[in-house]
């Protein structure tokens, strides 16, 4: 069974580690994880400030 990456439209096979639950190829998935972490950083700081009050 082959999947098509929803980001770069590259076709990739299902090997262990690529994950079958998401439509990302490995490279795009790693990039997405990094971007997500960067997006959540300011949000985490806001929560921390709320707790300190």
Protein backbone atom coordinates (compact mmCIF):
# COMPACT_ATOMS: atom_id res chain seq x y z
CA UNK A 1 0.00 0.00 0.00
CA UNK A 2 1.44 3.35 -1.03
CA UNK A 3 0.54 6.70 0.48
CA UNK A 4 0.91 10.17 -1.03
CA UNK A 5 2.36 12.86 1.19
CA UNK A 6 -0.22 15.60 1.81
CA UNK A 7 2.54 18.25 1.85
CA UNK A 8 4.98 17.49 -0.96
CA UNK A 9 2.74 15.00 -2.85
CA UNK A 10 5.58 12.48 -2.87
CA UNK A 11 4.58 8.81 -2.93
CA UNK A 12 6.00 6.81 -0.06
CA UNK A 13 5.59 3.18 0.98
CA UNK A 14 4.55 2.10 4.45
CA UNK A 15 7.67 1.12 6.35
CA UNK A 16 7.99 1.03 10.11
CA UNK A 17 8.51 4.56 11.39
CA UNK A 18 6.72 6.39 8.59
CA UNK A 19 3.44 5.93 10.42
CA UNK A 20 0.16 5.11 8.72
CA UNK A 21 -2.00 7.48 10.70
CA UNK A 22 -0.81 10.67 8.99
CA UNK A 23 -0.36 11.56 5.32
CA UNK A 24 3.16 12.95 5.64
CA UNK A 25 6.34 11.48 4.25
CA UNK A 26 9.10 11.24 6.85
CA UNK A 27 10.84 14.50 5.90
CA UNK A 28 7.64 16.57 5.95
CA UNK A 29 6.52 14.94 9.19
CA UNK A 30 9.76 15.93 10.93
CA UNK A 31 9.50 19.47 9.54
CA UNK A 32 5.88 19.67 10.72
CA UNK A 33 6.87 18.52 14.21
CA UNK A 34 9.56 21.21 14.39
CA UNK A 35 7.16 23.91 13.19
CA UNK A 36 4.55 22.79 15.69
CA UNK A 37 6.99 23.01 18.58
CA UNK A 38 7.98 26.50 17.47
CA UNK A 39 4.33 27.55 17.24
CA UNK A 40 3.55 26.26 20.72
CA UNK A 41 6.47 27.98 22.47
CA UNK A 42 4.84 31.42 23.01
CA UNK A 43 1.63 29.67 24.07
CA UNK A 44 3.50 27.73 26.77
CA UNK A 45 5.06 30.92 28.09
CA UNK A 46 1.63 32.53 28.41
CA UNK A 47 0.39 29.58 30.47
CA UNK A 48 3.46 29.80 32.70
CA UNK A 49 2.81 33.50 33.31
CA UNK A 50 -0.82 32.80 34.18
CA UNK A 51 0.24 30.21 36.77
CA UNK A 52 2.72 32.58 38.41
CA UNK A 53 0.02 35.20 39.06
